[in-house]
Amino acid sequence: MEIINKIIEIYFNSKLEKVEKLSGGSINEVYLCHLSNNKIVIKINDKELYPKMFEKEKEGLNLIRKCGFKTPEVIGAGSYDSYSYLVIEYVKSGKELNWKVFGIELALLHLNQNDKFGLEYDNYIGSLNQTNSFEDNWKDFYTQRRILPLAKIAIDNQLIEKKDNKKIENLCSKLDKLVPNCRPSLIHGDLWSGNLIYDQQNNPVLIDPAVYYGHPEMDWAMLSLFGAYPEVAIRSYCELNYLEKGFRDRKEIHQLYPLLVHLILFGKSYYNQLKTIINKFY
């Protein structure tokens, strides 16, 4: 592809020897590029459909990396012709993720705190815009910046019924009684297993962030939504950071947001899971 060759020309004084297409989901095309002296990963997408997506991803990766949790090094981000692109370090995998180290690293990431919930700029979760305007408490942020806007999109697209939305609104009105407030912590924001890889030393590496200062239980809830994590992860986390009692019982409340995201992006196969949570807590 012309764009691959152009990116190599801009950033590297190396010969492109081989290109492999990797899985990039429904939004991006991802390529592993073998250069004469190393390997790099290039992600591209339509710059008109997803404006500044990779610039936001670059900022998120660098913010997490600055706080001590390893991410792929960002080599560059920009646009060429009709494409946006992101160039990152290739991380070669080891044998198995070290979950104890993951728990420690996530605790240290969450210890980077802020006075308000949100972020200085908006970003993306998947292909959806993620609004991060600041709020003073978790109830207001989670309801006004996360749940209610997506519930409206779901209603408009006939993905949920009006009675479901009424229950969501009722749940949101009493969120402060269901979830304890906390200091806003820097979170990954889209922490499912596909965005958690590991290097040759089996240490965790985070990719594809949707960062903001939020409730630390969000990352744990997301991680458990599509799979399980071993107890050693949470034990090592709690040696350095604190989770309020009952966080496992509340995890479904914090899974409402990613379930709404998936419902909007991928359709009604996520509806029953969403409805079960709404009926449980409204």
C-alpha atoms as a PDB file:
ATOM      1  CA  MET A   1       0.000   0.000   0.000  1.00  0.00           C
ATOM      2  CA  GLU A   2       1.155   3.488  -0.841  1.00  0.00           C
ATOM      3  CA  ILE A   3       0.421   4.818   2.633  1.00  0.00           C
ATOM      4  CA  ILE A   4       2.576   2.144   4.295  1.00  0.00           C
ATOM      5  CA  ASN A   5       5.496   3.005   2.059  1.00  0.00           C
ATOM      6  CA  LYS A   6       4.982   6.716   2.727  1.00  0.00           C
ATOM      7  CA  ILE A   7       4.956   6.217   6.512  1.00  0.00           C
ATOM      8  CA  ILE A   8       8.145   4.159   6.354  1.00  0.00           C
ATOM      9  CA  GLU A   9       9.721   6.908   4.287  1.00  0.00           C
ATOM     10  CA  ILE A  10       8.716   9.592   6.833  1.00  0.00           C
ATOM     11  CA  TYR A  11       9.788   7.835  10.030  1.00  0.00           C
ATOM     12  CA  PHE A  12      12.471   5.302   9.178  1.00  0.00           C
ATOM     13  CA  ASN A  13      15.728   5.038   7.334  1.00  0.00           C
ATOM     14  CA  SER A  14      15.110   1.345   6.709  1.00  0.00           C
ATOM     15  CA  LYS A  15      13.942  -0.917   3.947  1.00  0.00           C
ATOM     16  CA  LEU A  16      10.469  -2.403   4.159  1.00  0.00           C
ATOM     17  CA  GLU A  17      10.943  -6.134   3.702  1.00  0.00           C
ATOM     18  CA  LYS A  18       7.549  -7.636   4.552  1.00  0.00           C
ATOM     19  CA  VAL A  19       4.040  -6.574   5.593  1.00  0.00           C
ATOM     20  CA  GLU A  20       1.581  -8.754   7.531  1.00  0.00           C
ATOM     21  CA  LYS A  21      -2.035  -7.779   8.096  1.00  0.00           C
ATOM     22  CA  LEU A  22      -3.155  -8.175  11.703  1.00  0.00           C
ATOM     23  CA  SER A  23      -6.605  -8.155  13.250  1.00  0.00           C
ATOM     24  CA  GLY A  24      -7.767  -4.568  13.671  1.00  0.00           C
ATOM     25  CA  GLY A  25     -11.409  -4.932  14.570  1.00  0.00           C
ATOM     26  CA  SER A  26     -14.152  -3.159  12.626  1.00  0.00           C
ATOM     27  CA  ILE A  27     -12.540   0.289  12.586  1.00  0.00           C
ATOM     28  CA  ASN A  28      -8.850   0.053  11.751  1.00  0.00           C
ATOM     29  CA  GLU A  29      -6.518  -1.777   9.437  1.00  0.00           C
ATOM     30  CA  VAL A  30      -3.434  -2.942  11.321  1.00  0.00           C
ATOM     31  CA  TYR A  31      -0.140  -4.024   9.789  1.00  0.00           C
ATOM     32  CA  LEU A  32       3.014  -5.579  11.186  1.00  0.00           C
ATOM     33  CA  CYS A  33       5.853  -4.166   9.132  1.00  0.00           C
ATOM     34  CA  HIS A  34       9.187  -5.974   8.968  1.00  0.00           C
ATOM     35  CA  LEU A  35      11.981  -3.483   8.384  1.00  0.00           C
ATOM     36  CA  SER A  36      15.606  -4.294   7.738  1.00  0.00           C
ATOM     37  CA  ASN A  37      16.525  -3.648  11.374  1.00  0.00           C
ATOM     38  CA  ASN A  38      13.305  -3.997  13.422  1.00  0.00           C
ATOM     39  CA  LYS A  39       9.514  -4.469  13.371  1.00  0.00           C
ATOM     40  CA  ILE A  40       6.827  -1.851  13.871  1.00  0.00           C
ATOM     41  CA  VAL A  41       3.030  -1.747  13.865  1.00  0.00           C
ATOM     42  CA  ILE A  42       1.033   0.686  11.725  1.00  0.00           C
ATOM     43  CA  LYS A  43      -2.678   1.337  12.259  1.00  0.00           C
ATOM     44  CA  ILE A  44      -4.688   3.205   9.642  1.00  0.00           C
ATOM     45  CA  ASN A  45      -8.294   4.307   9.243  1.00  0.00           C
ATOM     46  CA  ASP A  46     -10.490   6.840   7.447  1.00  0.00           C
ATOM     47  CA  LYS A  47      -9.592  10.316   8.695  1.00  0.00           C
ATOM     48  CA  GLU A  48     -13.023  11.710   7.807  1.00  0.00           C
ATOM     49  CA  LEU A  49     -14.957   9.030   9.681  1.00  0.00           C
ATOM     50  CA  TYR A  50     -12.772   9.083  12.805  1.00  0.00           C
ATOM     51  CA  PRO A  51     -11.186  12.532  13.090  1.00  0.00           C
ATOM     52  CA  LYS A  52      -8.198  12.736  15.427  1.00  0.00           C
ATOM     53  CA  MET A  53      -8.806   9.201  16.731  1.00  0.00           C
ATOM     54  CA  PHE A  54      -5.149   8.257  16.561  1.00  0.00           C
ATOM     55  CA  GLU A  55      -4.008  11.567  18.050  1.00  0.00           C
ATOM     56  CA  LYS A  56      -6.251  10.805  21.034  1.00  0.00           C
ATOM     57  CA  GLU A  57      -4.925   7.240  21.213  1.00  0.00           C
ATOM     58  CA  LYS A  58      -1.380   8.582  21.138  1.00  0.00           C
ATOM     59  CA  GLU A  59      -2.133  10.954  24.025  1.00  0.00           C
ATOM     60  CA  GLY A  60      -3.766   8.149  26.022  1.00  0.00           C
ATOM     61  CA  LEU A  61      -0.870   5.745  25.487  1.00  0.00           C
ATOM     62  CA  ASN A  62       1.653   8.400  26.455  1.00  0.00           C
ATOM     63  CA  LEU A  63      -0.315   9.363  29.570  1.00  0.00           C
ATOM     64  CA  ILE A  64      -0.452   5.744  30.773  1.00  0.00           C
ATOM     65  CA  ARG A  65       3.210   5.209  29.923  1.00  0.00           C
ATOM     66  CA  LYS A  66       4.192   8.395  31.773  1.00  0.00           C
ATOM     67  CA  CYS A  67       2.481   6.983  34.877  1.00  0.00           C
ATOM     68  CA  GLY A  68       4.634   3.846  34.761  1.00  0.00           C
ATOM     69  CA  PHE A  69       2.436   1.211  33.113  1.00  0.00           C
ATOM     70  CA  LYS A  70       4.089  -0.097  29.962  1.00  0.00           C
ATOM     71  CA  THR A  71       2.480   0.643  26.611  1.00  0.00           C
ATOM     72  CA  PRO A  72       3.904   0.334  23.117  1.00  0.00           C
ATOM     73  CA  GLU A  73       6.112   3.327  22.401  1.00  0.00           C
ATOM     74  CA  VAL A  74       4.412   5.758  20.051  1.00  0.00           C
ATOM     75  CA  ILE A  75       6.631   6.567  17.091  1.00  0.00           C
ATOM     76  CA  GLY A  76       4.264   8.882  15.284  1.00  0.00           C
ATOM     77  CA  ALA A  77       0.709   9.813  14.391  1.00  0.00           C
ATOM     78  CA  GLY A  78      -0.688  11.867  11.553  1.00  0.00           C
ATOM     79  CA  SER A  79      -2.572  11.791   8.277  1.00  0.00           C
ATOM     80  CA  TYR A  80      -1.797  11.186   4.637  1.00  0.00           C
ATOM     81  CA  ASP A  81      -4.217  11.436   1.755  1.00  0.00           C
ATOM     82  CA  SER A  82      -7.581  10.111   3.064  1.00  0.00           C
ATOM     83  CA  TYR A  83      -6.019   8.146   5.927  1.00  0.00           C
ATOM     84  CA  SER A  84      -5.092   8.724   9.537  1.00  0.00           C
ATOM     85  CA  TYR A  85      -2.305   6.598  10.944  1.00  0.00           C
ATOM     86  CA  LEU A  86      -0.572   5.602  14.155  1.00  0.00           C
ATOM     87  CA  VAL A  87       2.912   4.072  14.254  1.00  0.00           C
ATOM     88  CA  ILE A  88       3.842   2.145  17.392  1.00  0.00           C
ATOM     89  CA  GLU A  89       6.445  -0.227  18.712  1.00  0.00           C
ATOM     90  CA  TYR A  90       5.935  -3.917  18.063  1.00  0.00           C
ATOM     91  CA  VAL A  91       5.671  -5.860  21.337  1.00  0.00           C
ATOM     92  CA  LYS A  92       6.761  -9.479  21.032  1.00  0.00           C
ATOM     93  CA  SER A  93       4.775 -11.742  23.339  1.00  0.00           C
ATOM     94  CA  GLY A  94       6.077 -14.051  26.029  1.00  0.00           C
ATOM     95  CA  LYS A  95       4.398 -17.250  27.210  1.00  0.00           C
ATOM     96  CA  GLU A  96       1.801 -16.132  29.762  1.00  0.00           C
ATOM     97  CA  LEU A  97       0.732 -12.896  31.426  1.00  0.00           C
ATOM     98  CA  ASN A  98       2.098 -12.320  34.922  1.00  0.00           C
ATOM     99  CA  TRP A  99      -1.153 -11.425  36.679  1.00  0.00           C
ATOM    100  CA  LYS A 100       0.558 -10.478  39.937  1.00  0.00           C
ATOM    101  CA  VAL A 101       2.588  -7.824  38.150  1.00  0.00           C
ATOM    102  CA  PHE A 102      -0.572  -6.692  36.366  1.00  0.00           C
ATOM    103  CA  GLY A 103      -2.341  -6.127  39.693  1.00  0.00           C
ATOM    104  CA  ILE A 104       0.584  -4.108  41.011  1.00  0.00           C
ATOM    105  CA  GLU A 105       0.869  -2.016  37.840  1.00  0.00           C
ATOM    106  CA  LEU A 106      -2.875  -1.313  37.716  1.00  0.00           C
ATOM    107  CA  ALA A 107      -2.850  -0.235  41.371  1.00  0.00           C
ATOM    108  CA  LEU A 108      -0.014   2.190  40.658  1.00  0.00           C
ATOM    109  CA  LEU A 109      -1.826   3.535  37.598  1.00  0.00           C
ATOM    110  CA  HIS A 110      -4.989   4.138  39.633  1.00  0.00           C
ATOM    111  CA  LEU A 111      -2.978   5.972  42.275  1.00  0.00           C
ATOM    112  CA  ASN A 112      -2.544   8.769  39.741  1.00  0.00           C
ATOM    113  CA  GLN A 113      -5.493  10.875  40.822  1.00  0.00           C
ATOM    114  CA  ASN A 114      -7.238  14.109  39.958  1.00  0.00           C
ATOM    115  CA  ASP A 115      -9.579  16.582  41.629  1.00  0.00           C
ATOM    116  CA  LYS A 116     -12.414  15.986  39.166  1.00  0.00           C
ATOM    117  CA  PHE A 117     -13.815  13.147  37.085  1.00  0.00           C
ATOM    118  CA  GLY A 118     -13.144  13.459  33.372  1.00  0.00           C
ATOM    119  CA  LEU A 119     -10.275  14.601  31.184  1.00  0.00           C
ATOM    120  CA  GLU A 120      -9.045  17.751  29.484  1.00  0.00           C
ATOM    121  CA  TYR A 121     -10.120  16.418  26.104  1.00  0.00           C
ATOM    122  CA  ASP A 122     -12.688  14.057  24.619  1.00  0.00           C
ATOM    123  CA  ASN A 123     -11.608  10.777  23.023  1.00  0.00           C
ATOM    124  CA  TYR A 124     -13.069   7.540  21.687  1.00  0.00           C
ATOM    125  CA  ILE A 125     -14.242   4.189  22.964  1.00  0.00           C
ATOM    126  CA  GLY A 126     -14.336   1.941  19.941  1.00  0.00           C
ATOM    127  CA  SER A 127     -15.698   4.150  17.176  1.00  0.00           C
ATOM    128  CA  LEU A 128     -17.949   6.130  19.554  1.00  0.00           C
ATOM    129  CA  ASN A 129     -17.057   9.593  20.734  1.00  0.00           C
ATOM    130  CA  GLN A 130     -16.406   9.632  24.477  1.00  0.00           C
ATOM    131  CA  THR A 131     -17.220  12.917  26.208  1.00  0.00           C
ATOM    132  CA  ASN A 132     -14.983  13.679  29.186  1.00  0.00           C
ATOM    133  CA  SER A 133     -16.217  17.052  30.450  1.00  0.00           C
ATOM    134  CA  PHE A 134     -15.353  17.356  34.137  1.00  0.00           C
ATOM    135  CA  GLU A 135     -17.755  16.624  36.993  1.00  0.00           C
ATOM    136  CA  ASP A 136     -17.193  16.891  40.740  1.00  0.00           C
ATOM    137  CA  ASN A 137     -18.581  13.473  41.673  1.00  0.00           C
ATOM    138  CA  TRP A 138     -18.848  10.012  40.167  1.00  0.00           C
ATOM    139  CA  LYS A 139     -22.656   9.942  40.115  1.00  0.00           C
ATOM    140  CA  ASP A 140     -22.867  13.018  37.901  1.00  0.00           C
ATOM    141  CA  PHE A 141     -20.023  11.946  35.649  1.00  0.00           C
ATOM    142  CA  TYR A 142     -21.167   8.358  35.151  1.00  0.00           C
ATOM    143  CA  THR A 143     -24.785   9.310  34.542  1.00  0.00           C
ATOM    144  CA  GLN A 144     -24.337  12.517  32.507  1.00  0.00           C
ATOM    145  CA  ARG A 145     -21.191  11.641  30.530  1.00  0.00           C
ATOM    146  CA  ARG A 146     -21.593   7.893  30.149  1.00  0.00           C
ATOM    147  CA  ILE A 147     -24.926   6.174  30.733  1.00  0.00           C
ATOM    148  CA  LEU A 148     -27.683   8.634  29.777  1.00  0.00           C
ATOM    149  CA  PRO A 149     -26.146   9.847  26.476  1.00  0.00           C
ATOM    150  CA  LEU A 150     -25.686   6.262  25.265  1.00  0.00           C
ATOM    151  CA  ALA A 151     -29.129   5.247  26.477  1.00  0.00           C
ATOM    152  CA  LYS A 152     -30.545   8.034  24.285  1.00  0.00           C
ATOM    153  CA  ILE A 153     -28.628   6.717  21.272  1.00  0.00           C
ATOM    154  CA  ALA A 154     -29.916   3.227  22.034  1.00  0.00           C
ATOM    155  CA  ILE A 155     -33.513   4.505  22.246  1.00  0.00           C
ATOM    156  CA  ASP A 156     -33.146   6.493  19.009  1.00  0.00           C
ATOM    157  CA  ASN A 157     -31.868   3.375  17.255  1.00  0.00           C
ATOM    158  CA  GLN A 158     -34.625   1.171  18.745  1.00  0.00           C
ATOM    159  CA  LEU A 159     -32.092  -0.986  20.585  1.00  0.00           C
ATOM    160  CA  ILE A 160     -33.820  -0.630  23.949  1.00  0.00           C
ATOM    161  CA  GLU A 161     -37.428   0.054  24.889  1.00  0.00           C
ATOM    162  CA  LYS A 162     -38.745   3.200  26.586  1.00  0.00           C
ATOM    163  CA  LYS A 163     -39.461   1.230  29.754  1.00  0.00           C
ATOM    164  CA  ASP A 164     -35.804   0.164  29.817  1.00  0.00           C
ATOM    165  CA  ASN A 165     -34.763   3.790  29.598  1.00  0.00           C
ATOM    166  CA  LYS A 166     -37.044   4.704  32.510  1.00  0.00           C
ATOM    167  CA  LYS A 167     -35.348   2.025  34.605  1.00  0.00           C
ATOM    168  CA  ILE A 168     -31.926   3.312  33.559  1.00  0.00           C
ATOM    169  CA  GLU A 169     -32.915   6.825  34.603  1.00  0.00           C
ATOM    170  CA  ASN A 170     -34.135   5.515  37.967  1.00  0.00           C
ATOM    171  CA  LEU A 171     -30.894   3.595  38.491  1.00  0.00           C
ATOM    172  CA  CYS A 172     -28.896   6.734  37.674  1.00  0.00           C
ATOM    173  CA  SER A 173     -30.912   8.820  40.137  1.00  0.00           C
ATOM    174  CA  LYS A 174     -29.793   6.610  43.040  1.00  0.00           C
ATOM    175  CA  LEU A 175     -26.275   5.812  41.848  1.00  0.00           C
ATOM    176  CA  ASP A 176     -24.706   7.553  44.842  1.00  0.00           C
ATOM    177  CA  LYS A 177     -26.522   5.062  47.097  1.00  0.00           C
ATOM    178  CA  LEU A 178     -25.334   2.081  45.048  1.00  0.00           C
ATOM    179  CA  VAL A 179     -21.708   3.069  44.432  1.00  0.00           C
ATOM    180  CA  PRO A 180     -19.439   4.817  46.933  1.00  0.00           C
ATOM    181  CA  ASN A 181     -17.769   7.992  45.706  1.00  0.00           C
ATOM    182  CA  CYS A 182     -13.982   8.027  45.424  1.00  0.00           C
ATOM    183  CA  ARG A 183     -11.054  10.141  44.313  1.00  0.00           C
ATOM    184  CA  PRO A 184     -10.908  10.222  40.516  1.00  0.00           C
ATOM    185  CA  SER A 185      -8.236   7.779  39.304  1.00  0.00           C
ATOM    186  CA  LEU A 186      -6.574   7.533  35.935  1.00  0.00           C
ATOM    187  CA  ILE A 187      -8.114   4.458  34.296  1.00  0.00           C
ATOM    188  CA  HIS A 188      -7.539   2.674  30.999  1.00  0.00           C
ATOM    189  CA  GLY A 189     -11.232   2.958  30.202  1.00  0.00           C
ATOM    190  CA  ASP A 190     -11.551   0.005  27.803  1.00  0.00           C
ATOM    191  CA  LEU A 191      -9.757  -2.719  29.706  1.00  0.00           C
ATOM    192  CA  TRP A 192     -10.909  -5.990  28.197  1.00  0.00           C
ATOM    193  CA  SER A 193      -8.531  -8.880  27.596  1.00  0.00           C
ATOM    194  CA  GLY A 194      -7.903  -7.878  23.973  1.00  0.00           C
ATOM    195  CA  ASN A 195      -6.372  -4.599  25.144  1.00  0.00           C
ATOM    196  CA  LEU A 196      -4.104  -6.302  27.680  1.00  0.00           C
ATOM    197  CA  ILE A 197      -1.077  -7.962  26.101  1.00  0.00           C
ATOM    198  CA  TYR A 198       2.276  -8.997  27.546  1.00  0.00           C
ATOM    199  CA  ASP A 199       5.919  -8.764  26.548  1.00  0.00           C
ATOM    200  CA  GLN A 200       8.662 -11.398  26.404  1.00  0.00           C
ATOM    201  CA  GLN A 201       9.167 -11.083  30.168  1.00  0.00           C
ATOM    202  CA  ASN A 202       5.414 -11.792  30.599  1.00  0.00           C
ATOM    203  CA  ASN A 203       4.875  -8.300  31.984  1.00  0.00           C
ATOM    204  CA  PRO A 204       1.600  -6.541  31.116  1.00  0.00           C
ATOM    205  CA  VAL A 205       1.340  -4.003  28.306  1.00  0.00           C
ATOM    206  CA  LEU A 206      -1.749  -1.851  27.727  1.00  0.00           C
ATOM    207  CA  ILE A 207      -3.023  -0.936  24.256  1.00  0.00           C
ATOM    208  CA  ASP A 208      -6.040   0.894  22.757  1.00  0.00           C
ATOM    209  CA  PRO A 209      -6.877   3.077  25.786  1.00  0.00           C
ATOM    210  CA  ALA A 210      -9.975   5.215  26.332  1.00  0.00           C
ATOM    211  CA  VAL A 211      -8.453   7.097  29.269  1.00  0.00           C
ATOM    212  CA  TYR A 212     -10.054   9.468  31.730  1.00  0.00           C
ATOM    213  CA  TYR A 213     -10.070  10.061  35.476  1.00  0.00           C
ATOM    214  CA  GLY A 214     -12.851   7.823  36.707  1.00  0.00           C
ATOM    215  CA  HIS A 215     -13.824   5.209  39.251  1.00  0.00           C
ATOM    216  CA  PRO A 216     -11.133   2.507  39.547  1.00  0.00           C
ATOM    217  CA  GLU A 217     -13.825  -0.169  39.717  1.00  0.00           C
ATOM    218  CA  MET A 218     -14.552   0.563  36.036  1.00  0.00           C
ATOM    219  CA  ASP A 219     -11.367  -1.167  34.870  1.00  0.00           C
ATOM    220  CA  TRP A 220     -12.049  -4.248  36.999  1.00  0.00           C
ATOM    221  CA  ALA A 221     -15.675  -4.405  35.855  1.00  0.00           C
ATOM    222  CA  MET A 222     -14.689  -4.186  32.215  1.00  0.00           C
ATOM    223  CA  LEU A 223     -11.975  -6.818  32.622  1.00  0.00           C
ATOM    224  CA  SER A 224     -14.485  -9.279  34.083  1.00  0.00           C
ATOM    225  CA  LEU A 225     -17.213  -8.578  31.515  1.00  0.00           C
ATOM    226  CA  PHE A 226     -15.810 -10.834  28.795  1.00  0.00           C
ATOM    227  CA  GLY A 227     -13.731 -13.209  30.914  1.00  0.00           C
ATOM    228  CA  ALA A 228     -12.265 -13.844  34.338  1.00  0.00           C
ATOM    229  CA  TYR A 229      -9.066 -12.711  36.013  1.00  0.00           C
ATOM    230  CA  PRO A 230      -7.225 -14.781  38.651  1.00  0.00           C
ATOM    231  CA  GLU A 231      -7.432 -13.879  42.342  1.00  0.00           C
ATOM    232  CA  VAL A 232      -3.706 -13.111  42.455  1.00  0.00           C
ATOM    233  CA  ALA A 233      -4.388 -10.035  40.326  1.00  0.00           C
ATOM    234  CA  ILE A 234      -6.839  -8.472  42.762  1.00  0.00           C
ATOM    235  CA  ARG A 235      -4.765  -9.515  45.797  1.00  0.00           C
ATOM    236  CA  SER A 236      -1.639  -7.832  44.472  1.00  0.00           C
ATOM    237  CA  TYR A 237      -3.692  -4.762  43.546  1.00  0.00           C
ATOM    238  CA  CYS A 238      -5.122  -4.463  47.053  1.00  0.00           C
ATOM    239  CA  GLU A 239      -1.664  -4.596  48.604  1.00  0.00           C
ATOM    240  CA  LEU A 240      -1.067  -1.132  47.129  1.00  0.00           C
ATOM    241  CA  ASN A 241      -4.497   0.360  46.508  1.00  0.00           C
ATOM    242  CA  TYR A 242      -7.908   0.120  48.120  1.00  0.00           C
ATOM    243  CA  LEU A 243     -11.225  -1.074  46.729  1.00  0.00           C
ATOM    244  CA  GLU A 244     -14.347  -0.448  48.780  1.00  0.00           C
ATOM    245  CA  LYS A 245     -16.059  -3.505  50.227  1.00  0.00           C
ATOM    246  CA  GLY A 246     -18.644  -4.976  47.870  1.00  0.00           C
ATOM    247  CA  PHE A 247     -16.952  -3.981  44.630  1.00  0.00           C
ATOM    248  CA  ARG A 248     -17.684  -7.420  43.135  1.00  0.00           C
ATOM    249  CA  ASP A 249     -21.400  -6.951  43.856  1.00  0.00           C
ATOM    250  CA  ARG A 250     -21.335  -3.552  42.128  1.00  0.00           C
ATOM    251  CA  LYS A 251     -19.392  -4.581  39.052  1.00  0.00           C
ATOM    252  CA  GLU A 252     -22.539  -4.994  36.933  1.00  0.00           C
ATOM    253  CA  ILE A 253     -23.417  -1.325  37.479  1.00  0.00           C
ATOM    254  CA  HIS A 254     -20.073  -0.391  35.981  1.00  0.00           C
ATOM    255  CA  GLN A 255     -20.602  -2.876  33.154  1.00  0.00           C
ATOM    256  CA  LEU A 256     -23.632  -0.917  31.961  1.00  0.00           C
ATOM    257  CA  TYR A 257     -21.419   1.506  30.057  1.00  0.00           C
ATOM    258  CA  PRO A 258     -19.413  -1.032  28.020  1.00  0.00           C
ATOM    259  CA  LEU A 259     -22.592  -3.025  27.400  1.00  0.00           C
ATOM    260  CA  LEU A 260     -24.312   0.064  25.998  1.00  0.00           C
ATOM    261  CA  VAL A 261     -21.243   0.688  23.840  1.00  0.00           C
ATOM    262  CA  HIS A 262     -21.365  -2.871  22.502  1.00  0.00           C
ATOM    263  CA  LEU A 263     -25.133  -2.735  22.023  1.00  0.00           C
ATOM    264  CA  ILE A 264     -24.800   0.405  19.880  1.00  0.00           C
ATOM    265  CA  LEU A 265     -21.792  -0.809  17.903  1.00  0.00           C
ATOM    266  CA  PHE A 266     -22.614  -4.493  17.471  1.00  0.00           C
ATOM    267  CA  GLY A 267     -26.350  -4.903  17.926  1.00  0.00           C
ATOM    268  CA  LYS A 268     -28.990  -6.532  20.080  1.00  0.00           C
ATOM    269  CA  SER A 269     -27.028  -9.636  21.108  1.00  0.00           C
ATOM    270  CA  TYR A 270     -25.993  -7.580  24.157  1.00  0.00           C
ATOM    271  CA  TYR A 271     -29.533  -6.526  25.043  1.00  0.00           C
ATOM    272  CA  ASN A 272     -30.453  -9.379  27.391  1.00  0.00           C
ATOM    273  CA  GLN A 273     -27.303  -8.935  29.479  1.00  0.00           C
ATOM    274  CA  LEU A 274     -27.986  -5.213  29.701  1.00  0.00           C
ATOM    275  CA  LYS A 275     -31.639  -5.773  30.604  1.00  0.00           C
ATOM    276  CA  THR A 276     -30.724  -8.219  33.388  1.00  0.00           C
ATOM    277  CA  ILE A 277     -28.525  -5.591  35.061  1.00  0.00           C
ATOM    278  CA  ILE A 278     -31.123  -2.843  34.681  1.00  0.00           C
ATOM    279  CA  ASN A 279     -33.824  -5.016  36.249  1.00  0.00           C
ATOM    280  CA  LYS A 280     -31.518  -5.992  39.102  1.00  0.00           C
ATOM    281  CA  PHE A 281     -30.599  -2.477  40.215  1.00  0.00           C
ATOM    282  CA  TYR A 282     -33.348  -0.050  39.158  1.00  0.00           C
END
